[in-house]
mmCIF file of all heavy atoms, coordinates in Angstrom:
data_MODEL
# 
_entry.id   MODEL 
# 
loop_
_atom_site.group_PDB 
_atom_site.id 
_atom_site.type_symbol 
_atom_site.label_atom_id 
_atom_site.label_alt_id 
_atom_site.label_comp_id 
_atom_site.label_asym_id 
_atom_site.label_entity_id 
_atom_site.label_seq_id 
_atom_site.pdbx_PDB_ins_code 
_atom_site.Cartn_x 
_atom_site.Cartn_y 
_atom_site.Cartn_z 
_atom_site.occupancy 
_atom_site.B_iso_or_equiv 
_atom_site.pdbx_formal_charge 
_atom_site.auth_seq_id 
_atom_site.auth_comp_id 
_atom_site.auth_asym_id 
_atom_site.auth_atom_id 
_atom_site.pdbx_PDB_model_num 
ATOM 1   N N   . PRO A 1 1  ? 40.017 -71.542 -34.124 1.00 0.00 ? 1  PRO A N   1 
ATOM 2   C CA  . PRO A 1 1  ? 40.800 -72.601 -33.533 1.00 0.00 ? 1  PRO A CA  1 
ATOM 3   C C   . PRO A 1 1  ? 41.211 -72.322 -32.085 1.00 0.00 ? 1  PRO A C   1 
ATOM 4   O O   . PRO A 1 1  ? 41.680 -71.222 -31.794 1.00 0.00 ? 1  PRO A O   1 
ATOM 5   C CB  . PRO A 1 1  ? 42.039 -72.658 -34.447 1.00 0.00 ? 1  PRO A CB  1 
ATOM 6   C CG  . PRO A 1 1  ? 41.592 -72.097 -35.754 1.00 0.00 ? 1  PRO A CG  1 
ATOM 7   C CD  . PRO A 1 1  ? 40.522 -71.102 -35.420 1.00 0.00 ? 1  PRO A CD  1 
ATOM 8   N N   . GLY A 1 2  ? 40.847 -73.268 -31.246 1.00 0.00 ? 2  GLY A N   1 
ATOM 9   C CA  . GLY A 1 2  ? 41.208 -73.134 -29.847 1.00 0.00 ? 2  GLY A CA  1 
ATOM 10  C C   . GLY A 1 2  ? 40.323 -72.169 -29.052 1.00 0.00 ? 2  GLY A C   1 
ATOM 11  O O   . GLY A 1 2  ? 40.583 -71.881 -27.863 1.00 0.00 ? 2  GLY A O   1 
ATOM 12  N N   . LYS A 1 3  ? 39.270 -71.681 -29.685 1.00 0.00 ? 3  LYS A N   1 
ATOM 13  C CA  . LYS A 1 3  ? 38.412 -70.772 -28.975 1.00 0.00 ? 3  LYS A CA  1 
ATOM 14  C C   . LYS A 1 3  ? 36.914 -71.363 -28.920 1.00 0.00 ? 3  LYS A C   1 
ATOM 15  O O   . LYS A 1 3  ? 36.591 -72.236 -29.672 1.00 0.00 ? 3  LYS A O   1 
ATOM 16  C CB  . LYS A 1 3  ? 38.357 -69.410 -29.679 1.00 0.00 ? 3  LYS A CB  1 
ATOM 17  C CG  . LYS A 1 3  ? 39.696 -68.697 -29.634 1.00 0.00 ? 3  LYS A CG  1 
ATOM 18  C CD  . LYS A 1 3  ? 39.608 -67.310 -30.159 1.00 0.00 ? 3  LYS A CD  1 
ATOM 19  C CE  . LYS A 1 3  ? 40.909 -66.524 -30.037 1.00 0.00 ? 3  LYS A CE  1 
ATOM 20  N NZ  . LYS A 1 3  ? 40.789 -65.162 -30.533 1.00 0.00 ? 3  LYS A NZ  1 
ATOM 21  N N   . GLU A 1 4  ? 36.134 -70.724 -28.080 1.00 0.00 ? 4  GLU A N   1 
ATOM 22  C CA  . GLU A 1 4  ? 34.727 -71.148 -27.994 1.00 0.00 ? 4  GLU A CA  1 
ATOM 23  C C   . GLU A 1 4  ? 33.934 -70.516 -29.144 1.00 0.00 ? 4  GLU A C   1 
ATOM 24  O O   . GLU A 1 4  ? 34.279 -69.567 -29.707 1.00 0.00 ? 4  GLU A O   1 
ATOM 25  C CB  . GLU A 1 4  ? 34.178 -70.693 -26.655 1.00 0.00 ? 4  GLU A CB  1 
ATOM 26  C CG  . GLU A 1 4  ? 34.777 -71.428 -25.453 1.00 0.00 ? 4  GLU A CG  1 
ATOM 27  C CD  . GLU A 1 4  ? 34.078 -71.032 -24.168 1.00 0.00 ? 4  GLU A CD  1 
ATOM 28  O OE1 . GLU A 1 4  ? 33.156 -70.172 -24.190 1.00 0.00 ? 4  GLU A OE1 1 
ATOM 29  O OE2 . GLU A 1 4  ? 34.404 -71.691 -23.098 1.00 0.00 ? 4  GLU A OE2 1 
ATOM 30  N N   . ARG A 1 5  ? 32.804 -71.198 -29.384 1.00 0.00 ? 5  ARG A N   1 
ATOM 31  C CA  . ARG A 1 5  ? 31.924 -70.735 -30.448 1.00 0.00 ? 5  ARG A CA  1 
ATOM 32  C C   . ARG A 1 5  ? 31.330 -69.387 -29.936 1.00 0.00 ? 5  ARG A C   1 
ATOM 33  O O   . ARG A 1 5  ? 30.869 -69.265 -28.811 1.00 0.00 ? 5  ARG A O   1 
ATOM 34  C CB  . ARG A 1 5  ? 30.878 -71.756 -30.722 1.00 0.00 ? 5  ARG A CB  1 
ATOM 35  C CG  . ARG A 1 5  ? 29.952 -71.477 -31.914 1.00 0.00 ? 5  ARG A CG  1 
ATOM 36  C CD  . ARG A 1 5  ? 29.037 -72.632 -32.180 1.00 0.00 ? 5  ARG A CD  1 
ATOM 37  N NE  . ARG A 1 5  ? 29.759 -73.878 -32.552 1.00 0.00 ? 5  ARG A NE  1 
ATOM 38  C CZ  . ARG A 1 5  ? 29.215 -74.961 -32.966 1.00 0.00 ? 5  ARG A CZ  1 
ATOM 39  N NH1 . ARG A 1 5  ? 27.879 -74.934 -33.146 1.00 0.00 ? 5  ARG A NH1 1 
ATOM 40  N NH2 . ARG A 1 5  ? 29.931 -76.028 -33.199 1.00 0.00 ? 5  ARG A NH2 1 
ATOM 41  N N   . GLU A 1 6  ? 31.274 -68.389 -30.833 1.00 0.00 ? 6  GLU A N   1 
ATOM 42  C CA  . GLU A 1 6  ? 30.712 -67.134 -30.485 1.00 0.00 ? 6  GLU A CA  1 
ATOM 43  C C   . GLU A 1 6  ? 29.647 -66.701 -31.481 1.00 0.00 ? 6  GLU A C   1 
ATOM 44  O O   . GLU A 1 6  ? 29.736 -67.078 -32.688 1.00 0.00 ? 6  GLU A O   1 
ATOM 45  C CB  . GLU A 1 6  ? 31.794 -66.017 -30.409 1.00 0.00 ? 6  GLU A CB  1 
ATOM 46  C CG  . GLU A 1 6  ? 32.437 -65.668 -31.722 1.00 0.00 ? 6  GLU A CG  1 
ATOM 47  C CD  . GLU A 1 6  ? 33.200 -64.395 -31.687 1.00 0.00 ? 6  GLU A CD  1 
ATOM 48  O OE1 . GLU A 1 6  ? 33.070 -63.583 -30.717 1.00 0.00 ? 6  GLU A OE1 1 
ATOM 49  O OE2 . GLU A 1 6  ? 34.045 -64.155 -32.575 1.00 0.00 ? 6  GLU A OE2 1 
ATOM 50  N N   . ASP A 1 7  ? 28.673 -65.935 -30.993 1.00 0.00 ? 7  ASP A N   1 
ATOM 51  C CA  . ASP A 1 7  ? 27.634 -65.454 -31.869 1.00 0.00 ? 7  ASP A CA  1 
ATOM 52  C C   . ASP A 1 7  ? 28.192 -64.230 -32.623 1.00 0.00 ? 7  ASP A C   1 
ATOM 53  O O   . ASP A 1 7  ? 28.737 -63.317 -32.021 1.00 0.00 ? 7  ASP A O   1 
ATOM 54  C CB  . ASP A 1 7  ? 26.455 -65.032 -31.032 1.00 0.00 ? 7  ASP A CB  1 
ATOM 55  C CG  . ASP A 1 7  ? 25.311 -64.478 -31.875 1.00 0.00 ? 7  ASP A CG  1 
ATOM 56  O OD1 . ASP A 1 7  ? 25.228 -64.895 -33.049 1.00 0.00 ? 7  ASP A OD1 1 
ATOM 57  O OD2 . ASP A 1 7  ? 24.532 -63.664 -31.378 1.00 0.00 ? 7  ASP A OD2 1 
ATOM 58  N N   . VAL A 1 8  ? 28.042 -64.238 -33.915 1.00 0.00 ? 8  VAL A N   1 
ATOM 59  C CA  . VAL A 1 8  ? 28.505 -63.160 -34.783 1.00 0.00 ? 8  VAL A CA  1 
ATOM 60  C C   . VAL A 1 8  ? 27.390 -62.225 -35.144 1.00 0.00 ? 8  VAL A C   1 
ATOM 61  O O   . VAL A 1 8  ? 27.502 -60.972 -35.060 1.00 0.00 ? 8  VAL A O   1 
ATOM 62  C CB  . VAL A 1 8  ? 29.143 -63.731 -36.076 1.00 0.00 ? 8  VAL A CB  1 
ATOM 63  C CG1 . VAL A 1 8  ? 29.510 -62.595 -37.047 1.00 0.00 ? 8  VAL A CG1 1 
ATOM 64  C CG2 . VAL A 1 8  ? 30.363 -64.617 -35.727 1.00 0.00 ? 8  VAL A CG2 1 
ATOM 65  N N   . SER A 1 9  ? 26.243 -62.804 -35.507 1.00 0.00 ? 9  SER A N   1 
ATOM 66  C CA  . SER A 1 9  ? 25.122 -61.992 -35.957 1.00 0.00 ? 9  SER A CA  1 
ATOM 67  C C   . SER A 1 9  ? 23.825 -62.848 -35.810 1.00 0.00 ? 9  SER A C   1 
ATOM 68  O O   . SER A 1 9  ? 23.818 -64.023 -35.966 1.00 0.00 ? 9  SER A O   1 
ATOM 69  C CB  . SER A 1 9  ? 25.320 -61.552 -37.425 1.00 0.00 ? 9  SER A CB  1 
ATOM 70  O OG  . SER A 1 9  ? 24.237 -60.743 -37.824 1.00 0.00 ? 9  SER A OG  1 
ATOM 71  N N   . CYS A 1 10 ? 22.708 -62.089 -35.617 1.00 0.00 ? 10 CYS A N   1 
ATOM 72  C CA  . CYS A 1 10 ? 21.414 -62.709 -35.515 1.00 0.00 ? 10 CYS A CA  1 
ATOM 73  C C   . CYS A 1 10 ? 20.399 -61.861 -36.228 1.00 0.00 ? 10 CYS A C   1 
ATOM 74  O O   . CYS A 1 10 ? 20.555 -60.656 -36.378 1.00 0.00 ? 10 CYS A O   1 
ATOM 75  C CB  . CYS A 1 10 ? 20.940 -62.849 -34.078 1.00 0.00 ? 10 CYS A CB  1 
ATOM 76  S SG  . CYS A 1 10 ? 22.125 -63.622 -32.924 1.00 0.00 ? 10 CYS A SG  1 
ATOM 77  N N   . ILE A 1 11 ? 19.268 -62.480 -36.620 1.00 0.00 ? 11 ILE A N   1 
ATOM 78  C CA  . ILE A 1 11 ? 18.156 -61.771 -37.214 1.00 0.00 ? 11 ILE A CA  1 
ATOM 79  C C   . ILE A 1 11 ? 16.888 -62.352 -36.715 1.00 0.00 ? 11 ILE A C   1 
ATOM 80  O O   . ILE A 1 11 ? 16.719 -63.578 -36.567 1.00 0.00 ? 11 ILE A O   1 
ATOM 81  C CB  . ILE A 1 11 ? 18.232 -61.759 -38.732 1.00 0.00 ? 11 ILE A CB  1 
ATOM 82  C CG1 . ILE A 1 11 ? 17.231 -60.796 -39.358 1.00 0.00 ? 11 ILE A CG1 1 
ATOM 83  C CG2 . ILE A 1 11 ? 18.112 -63.166 -39.277 1.00 0.00 ? 11 ILE A CG2 1 
ATOM 84  C CD1 . ILE A 1 11 ? 17.435 -60.483 -40.797 1.00 0.00 ? 11 ILE A CD1 1 
ATOM 85  N N   . SER A 1 12 ? 15.927 -61.507 -36.378 1.00 0.00 ? 12 SER A N   1 
ATOM 86  C CA  . SER A 1 12 ? 14.638 -61.982 -35.869 1.00 0.00 ? 12 SER A CA  1 
ATOM 87  C C   . SER A 1 12 ? 13.825 -62.574 -36.979 1.00 0.00 ? 12 SER A C   1 
ATOM 88  O O   . SER A 1 12 ? 14.124 -62.505 -38.159 1.00 0.00 ? 12 SER A O   1 
ATOM 89  C CB  . SER A 1 12 ? 13.878 -60.809 -35.222 1.00 0.00 ? 12 SER A CB  1 
ATOM 90  O OG  . SER A 1 12 ? 13.531 -59.839 -36.256 1.00 0.00 ? 12 SER A OG  1 
ATOM 91  N N   . LYS A 1 13 ? 12.720 -63.231 -36.572 1.00 0.00 ? 13 LYS A N   1 
ATOM 92  C CA  . LYS A 1 13 ? 11.873 -63.926 -37.549 1.00 0.00 ? 13 LYS A CA  1 
ATOM 93  C C   . LYS A 1 13 ? 11.190 -62.975 -38.487 1.00 0.00 ? 13 LYS A C   1 
ATOM 94  O O   . LYS A 1 13 ? 11.208 -63.174 -39.707 1.00 0.00 ? 13 LYS A O   1 
ATOM 95  C CB  . LYS A 1 13 ? 10.880 -64.792 -36.797 1.00 0.00 ? 13 LYS A CB  1 
ATOM 96  C CG  . LYS A 1 13 ? 9.913  -65.606 -37.725 1.00 0.00 ? 13 LYS A CG  1 
ATOM 97  C CD  . LYS A 1 13 ? 8.841  -66.316 -36.984 1.00 0.00 ? 13 LYS A CD  1 
ATOM 98  C CE  . LYS A 1 13 ? 7.700  -65.390 -36.699 1.00 0.00 ? 13 LYS A CE  1 
ATOM 99  N NZ  . LYS A 1 13 ? 6.520  -66.123 -36.194 1.00 0.00 ? 13 LYS A NZ  1 
ATOM 100 N N   . SER A 1 14 ? 10.556 -61.983 -37.968 1.00 0.00 ? 14 SER A N   1 
ATOM 101 C CA  . SER A 1 14 ? 9.622  -61.191 -38.725 1.00 0.00 ? 14 SER A CA  1 
ATOM 102 C C   . SER A 1 14 ? 10.033 -59.765 -39.121 1.00 0.00 ? 14 SER A C   1 
ATOM 103 O O   . SER A 1 14 ? 9.926  -59.362 -40.242 1.00 0.00 ? 14 SER A O   1 
ATOM 104 C CB  . SER A 1 14 ? 8.272  -61.102 -38.007 1.00 0.00 ? 14 SER A CB  1 
ATOM 105 O OG  . SER A 1 14 ? 7.720  -62.430 -37.841 1.00 0.00 ? 14 SER A OG  1 
ATOM 106 N N   . ASP A 1 15 ? 10.486 -59.029 -38.043 1.00 0.00 ? 15 ASP A N   1 
ATOM 107 C CA  . ASP A 1 15 ? 10.632 -57.615 -38.336 1.00 0.00 ? 15 ASP A CA  1 
ATOM 108 C C   . ASP A 1 15 ? 12.104 -57.213 -38.708 1.00 0.00 ? 15 ASP A C   1 
ATOM 109 O O   . ASP A 1 15 ? 12.391 -55.995 -38.844 1.00 0.00 ? 15 ASP A O   1 
ATOM 110 C CB  . ASP A 1 15 ? 10.186 -56.792 -37.132 1.00 0.00 ? 15 ASP A CB  1 
ATOM 111 C CG  . ASP A 1 15 ? 11.047 -57.006 -35.874 1.00 0.00 ? 15 ASP A CG  1 
ATOM 112 O OD1 . ASP A 1 15 ? 12.021 -57.815 -35.964 1.00 0.00 ? 15 ASP A OD1 1 
ATOM 113 O OD2 . ASP A 1 15 ? 10.732 -56.452 -34.843 1.00 0.00 ? 15 ASP A OD2 1 
ATOM 114 N N   . GLY A 1 16 ? 12.942 -58.158 -38.882 1.00 0.00 ? 16 GLY A N   1 
ATOM 115 C CA  . GLY A 1 16 ? 14.292 -57.862 -39.321 1.00 0.00 ? 16 GLY A CA  1 
ATOM 116 C C   . GLY A 1 16 ? 15.206 -57.245 -38.335 1.00 0.00 ? 16 GLY A C   1 
ATOM 117 O O   . GLY A 1 16 ? 16.258 -56.708 -38.720 1.00 0.00 ? 16 GLY A O   1 
ATOM 118 N N   . THR A 1 17 ? 14.858 -57.326 -37.086 1.00 0.00 ? 17 THR A N   1 
ATOM 119 C CA  . THR A 1 17 ? 15.764 -56.860 -36.030 1.00 0.00 ? 17 THR A CA  1 
ATOM 120 C C   . THR A 1 17 ? 17.025 -57.630 -36.053 1.00 0.00 ? 17 THR A C   1 
ATOM 121 O O   . THR A 1 17 ? 17.001 -58.871 -36.141 1.00 0.00 ? 17 THR A O   1 
ATOM 122 C CB  . THR A 1 17 ? 15.116 -56.937 -34.656 1.00 0.00 ? 17 THR A CB  1 
ATOM 123 O OG1 . THR A 1 17 ? 13.842 -56.234 -34.640 1.00 0.00 ? 17 THR A OG1 1 
ATOM 124 C CG2 . THR A 1 17 ? 16.030 -56.437 -33.576 1.00 0.00 ? 17 THR A CG2 1 
ATOM 125 N N   . THR A 1 18 ? 18.149 -56.961 -36.061 1.00 0.00 ? 18 THR A N   1 
ATOM 126 C CA  . THR A 1 18 ? 19.442 -57.646 -36.200 1.00 0.00 ? 18 THR A CA  1 
ATOM 127 C C   . THR A 1 18 ? 20.350 -57.324 -35.004 1.00 0.00 ? 18 THR A C   1 
ATOM 128 O O   . THR A 1 18 ? 20.177 -56.366 -34.288 1.00 0.00 ? 18 THR A O   1 
ATOM 129 C CB  . THR A 1 18 ? 20.159 -57.198 -37.494 1.00 0.00 ? 18 THR A CB  1 
ATOM 130 O OG1 . THR A 1 18 ? 20.347 -55.779 -37.481 1.00 0.00 ? 18 THR A OG1 1 
ATOM 131 C CG2 . THR A 1 18 ? 19.392 -57.633 -38.730 1.00 0.00 ? 18 THR A CG2 1 
ATOM 132 N N   . TYR A 1 19 ? 21.312 -58.220 -34.879 1.00 0.00 ? 19 TYR A N   1 
ATOM 133 C CA  . TYR A 1 19 ? 22.403 -58.112 -33.839 1.00 0.00 ? 19 TYR A CA  1 
ATOM 134 C C   . TYR A 1 19 ? 23.691 -58.397 -34.443 1.00 0.00 ? 19 TYR A C   1 
ATOM 135 O O   . TYR A 1 19 ? 23.763 -59.317 -35.359 1.00 0.00 ? 19 TYR A O   1 
ATOM 136 C CB  . TYR A 1 19 ? 22.112 -59.045 -32.689 1.00 0.00 ? 19 TYR A CB  1 
ATOM 137 C CG  . TYR A 1 19 ? 23.337 -59.283 -31.790 1.00 0.00 ? 19 TYR A CG  1 
ATOM 138 C CD1 . TYR A 1 19 ? 23.606 -58.400 -30.774 1.00 0.00 ? 19 TYR A CD1 1 
ATOM 139 C CD2 . TYR A 1 19 ? 24.197 -60.315 -32.024 1.00 0.00 ? 19 TYR A CD2 1 
ATOM 140 C CE1 . TYR A 1 19 ? 24.776 -58.616 -29.965 1.00 0.00 ? 19 TYR A CE1 1 
ATOM 141 C CE2 . TYR A 1 19 ? 25.322 -60.546 -31.285 1.00 0.00 ? 19 TYR A CE2 1 
ATOM 142 C CZ  . TYR A 1 19 ? 25.598 -59.689 -30.269 1.00 0.00 ? 19 TYR A CZ  1 
ATOM 143 O OH  . TYR A 1 19 ? 26.699 -59.906 -29.485 1.00 0.00 ? 19 TYR A OH  1 
ATOM 144 N N   . TYR A 1 20 ? 24.713 -57.635 -34.083 1.00 0.00 ? 20 TYR A N   1 
ATOM 145 C CA  . TYR A 1 20 ? 26.106 -57.916 -34.468 1.00 0.00 ? 20 TYR A CA  1 
ATOM 146 C C   . TYR A 1 20 ? 26.983 -57.788 -33.353 1.00 0.00 ? 20 TYR A C   1 
ATOM 147 O O   . TYR A 1 20 ? 26.901 -56.839 -32.512 1.00 0.00 ? 20 TYR A O   1 
ATOM 148 C CB  . TYR A 1 20 ? 26.585 -56.944 -35.586 1.00 0.00 ? 20 TYR A CB  1 
ATOM 149 C CG  . TYR A 1 20 ? 25.732 -56.935 -36.863 1.00 0.00 ? 20 TYR A CG  1 
ATOM 150 C CD1 . TYR A 1 20 ? 24.668 -56.073 -37.005 1.00 0.00 ? 20 TYR A CD1 1 
ATOM 151 C CD2 . TYR A 1 20 ? 25.984 -57.872 -37.831 1.00 0.00 ? 20 TYR A CD2 1 
ATOM 152 C CE1 . TYR A 1 20 ? 23.856 -56.078 -38.152 1.00 0.00 ? 20 TYR A CE1 1 
ATOM 153 C CE2 . TYR A 1 20 ? 25.211 -57.894 -38.997 1.00 0.00 ? 20 TYR A CE2 1 
ATOM 154 C CZ  . TYR A 1 20 ? 24.129 -57.026 -39.155 1.00 0.00 ? 20 TYR A CZ  1 
ATOM 155 O OH  . TYR A 1 20 ? 23.351 -57.035 -40.264 1.00 0.00 ? 20 TYR A OH  1 
ATOM 156 N N   . VAL A 1 21 ? 27.936 -58.817 -33.216 1.00 0.00 ? 21 VAL A N   1 
ATOM 157 C CA  . VAL A 1 21 ? 28.945 -58.635 -32.158 1.00 0.00 ? 21 VAL A CA  1 
ATOM 158 C C   . VAL A 1 21 ? 29.803 -57.445 -32.507 1.00 0.00 ? 21 VAL A C   1 
ATOM 159 O O   . VAL A 1 21 ? 29.954 -57.064 -33.717 1.00 0.00 ? 21 VAL A O   1 
ATOM 160 C CB  . VAL A 1 21 ? 29.817 -59.931 -32.086 1.00 0.00 ? 21 VAL A CB  1 
ATOM 161 C CG1 . VAL A 1 21 ? 30.638 -60.095 -33.321 1.00 0.00 ? 21 VAL A CG1 1 
ATOM 162 C CG2 . VAL A 1 21 ? 30.628 -59.948 -30.811 1.00 0.00 ? 21 VAL A CG2 1 
ATOM 163 N N   . GLU A 1 22 ? 30.354 -56.732 -31.509 1.00 0.00 ? 22 GLU A N   1 
ATOM 164 C CA  . GLU A 1 22 ? 30.993 -55.495 -31.714 1.00 0.00 ? 22 GLU A CA  1 
ATOM 165 C C   . GLU A 1 22 ? 32.103 -55.541 -32.793 1.00 0.00 ? 22 GLU A C   1 
ATOM 166 O O   . GLU A 1 22 ? 32.273 -54.634 -33.551 1.00 0.00 ? 22 GLU A O   1 
ATOM 167 C CB  . GLU A 1 22 ? 31.569 -54.993 -30.354 1.00 0.00 ? 22 GLU A CB  1 
ATOM 168 C CG  . GLU A 1 22 ? 32.054 -53.518 -30.416 1.00 0.00 ? 22 GLU A CG  1 
ATOM 169 C CD  . GLU A 1 22 ? 31.006 -52.516 -30.697 1.00 0.00 ? 22 GLU A CD  1 
ATOM 170 O OE1 . GLU A 1 22 ? 29.853 -52.721 -30.268 1.00 0.00 ? 22 GLU A OE1 1 
ATOM 171 O OE2 . GLU A 1 22 ? 31.378 -51.518 -31.325 1.00 0.00 ? 22 GLU A OE2 1 
ATOM 172 N N   . SER A 1 23 ? 32.783 -56.664 -32.759 1.00 0.00 ? 23 SER A N   1 
ATOM 173 C CA  . SER A 1 23 ? 34.019 -56.785 -33.683 1.00 0.00 ? 23 SER A CA  1 
ATOM 174 C C   . SER A 1 23 ? 33.660 -56.811 -35.129 1.00 0.00 ? 23 SER A C   1 
ATOM 175 O O   . SER A 1 23 ? 34.571 -56.557 -35.982 1.00 0.00 ? 23 SER A O   1 
ATOM 176 C CB  . SER A 1 23 ? 34.801 -58.040 -33.311 1.00 0.00 ? 23 SER A CB  1 
ATOM 177 O OG  . SER A 1 23 ? 33.995 -59.190 -33.467 1.00 0.00 ? 23 SER A OG  1 
ATOM 178 N N   . VAL A 1 24 ? 32.394 -57.038 -35.492 1.00 0.00 ? 24 VAL A N   1 
ATOM 179 C CA  . VAL A 1 24 ? 31.996 -57.086 -36.885 1.00 0.00 ? 24 VAL A CA  1 
ATOM 180 C C   . VAL A 1 24 ? 31.058 -55.986 -37.297 1.00 0.00 ? 24 VAL A C   1 
ATOM 181 O O   . VAL A 1 24 ? 30.691 -55.890 -38.496 1.00 0.00 ? 24 VAL A O   1 
ATOM 182 C CB  . VAL A 1 24 ? 31.374 -58.475 -37.271 1.00 0.00 ? 24 VAL A CB  1 
ATOM 183 C CG1 . VAL A 1 24 ? 32.275 -59.629 -36.808 1.00 0.00 ? 24 VAL A CG1 1 
ATOM 184 C CG2 . VAL A 1 24 ? 29.958 -58.618 -36.726 1.00 0.00 ? 24 VAL A CG2 1 
ATOM 185 N N   . LYS A 1 25 ? 30.662 -55.154 -36.355 1.00 0.00 ? 25 LYS A N   1 
ATOM 186 C CA  . LYS A 1 25 ? 29.739 -54.038 -36.757 1.00 0.00 ? 25 LYS A CA  1 
ATOM 187 C C   . LYS A 1 25 ? 30.337 -53.123 -37.818 1.00 0.00 ? 25 LYS A C   1 
ATOM 188 O O   . LYS A 1 25 ? 31.495 -52.782 -37.781 1.00 0.00 ? 25 LYS A O   1 
ATOM 189 C CB  . LYS A 1 25 ? 29.462 -53.188 -35.473 1.00 0.00 ? 25 LYS A CB  1 
ATOM 190 C CG  . LYS A 1 25 ? 28.473 -53.863 -34.536 1.00 0.00 ? 25 LYS A CG  1 
ATOM 191 C CD  . LYS A 1 25 ? 28.150 -52.973 -33.339 1.00 0.00 ? 25 LYS A CD  1 
ATOM 192 C CE  . LYS A 1 25 ? 27.156 -53.591 -32.409 1.00 0.00 ? 25 LYS A CE  1 
ATOM 193 N NZ  . LYS A 1 25 ? 26.891 -52.762 -31.228 1.00 0.00 ? 25 LYS A NZ  1 
ATOM 194 N N   . GLY A 1 26 ? 29.502 -52.779 -38.791 1.00 0.00 ? 26 GLY A N   1 
ATOM 195 C CA  . GLY A 1 26 ? 29.932 -51.986 -39.885 1.00 0.00 ? 26 GLY A CA  1 
ATOM 196 C C   . GLY A 1 26 ? 30.615 -52.755 -41.003 1.00 0.00 ? 26 GLY A C   1 
ATOM 197 O O   . GLY A 1 26 ? 30.854 -52.223 -42.066 1.00 0.00 ? 26 GLY A O   1 
ATOM 198 N N   . ARG A 1 27 ? 30.904 -54.045 -40.762 1.00 0.00 ? 27 ARG A N   1 
ATOM 199 C CA  . ARG A 1 27 ? 31.570 -54.862 -41.791 1.00 0.00 ? 27 ARG A CA  1 
ATOM 200 C C   . ARG A 1 27 ? 30.690 -56.003 -42.301 1.00 0.00 ? 27 ARG A C   1 
ATOM 201 O O   . ARG A 1 27 ? 30.748 -56.391 -43.422 1.00 0.00 ? 27 ARG A O   1 
ATOM 202 C CB  . ARG A 1 27 ? 32.860 -55.434 -41.240 1.00 0.00 ? 27 ARG A CB  1 
ATOM 203 C CG  . ARG A 1 27 ? 33.859 -54.377 -40.791 1.00 0.00 ? 27 ARG A CG  1 
ATOM 204 C CD  . ARG A 1 27 ? 35.218 -54.971 -40.426 1.00 0.00 ? 27 ARG A CD  1 
ATOM 205 N NE  . ARG A 1 27 ? 35.147 -55.927 -39.307 1.00 0.00 ? 27 ARG A NE  1 
ATOM 206 C CZ  . ARG A 1 27 ? 35.517 -57.225 -39.388 1.00 0.00 ? 27 ARG A CZ  1 
ATOM 207 N NH1 . ARG A 1 27 ? 35.906 -57.724 -40.510 1.00 0.00 ? 27 ARG A NH1 1 
ATOM 208 N NH2 . ARG A 1 27 ? 35.434 -58.000 -38.342 1.00 0.00 ? 27 ARG A NH2 1 
ATOM 209 N N   . PHE A 1 28 ? 29.907 -56.608 -41.373 1.00 0.00 ? 28 PHE A N   1 
ATOM 210 C CA  . PHE A 1 28 ? 29.110 -57.762 -41.681 1.00 0.00 ? 28 PHE A CA  1 
ATOM 211 C C   . PHE A 1 28 ? 27.619 -57.327 -41.798 1.00 0.00 ? 28 PHE A C   1 
ATOM 212 O O   . PHE A 1 28 ? 27.163 -56.454 -41.056 1.00 0.00 ? 28 PHE A O   1 
ATOM 213 C CB  . PHE A 1 28 ? 29.172 -58.827 -40.651 1.00 0.00 ? 28 PHE A CB  1 
ATOM 214 C CG  . PHE A 1 28 ? 30.491 -59.596 -40.646 1.00 0.00 ? 28 PHE A CG  1 
ATOM 215 C CD1 . PHE A 1 28 ? 31.607 -59.117 -41.320 1.00 0.00 ? 28 PHE A CD1 1 
ATOM 216 C CD2 . PHE A 1 28 ? 30.629 -60.747 -39.905 1.00 0.00 ? 28 PHE A CD2 1 
ATOM 217 C CE1 . PHE A 1 28 ? 32.833 -59.771 -41.281 1.00 0.00 ? 28 PHE A CE1 1 
ATOM 218 C CE2 . PHE A 1 28 ? 31.798 -61.445 -39.836 1.00 0.00 ? 28 PHE A CE2 1 
ATOM 219 C CZ  . PHE A 1 28 ? 32.896 -60.951 -40.524 1.00 0.00 ? 28 PHE A CZ  1 
# 
């Protein structure tokens, strides 16, 4: 609420490369 949309996590199409925003690393 009241904030901009932020990326939390991503995954590539094929090789499973992932990304996590720092605030969720180790939890998501």
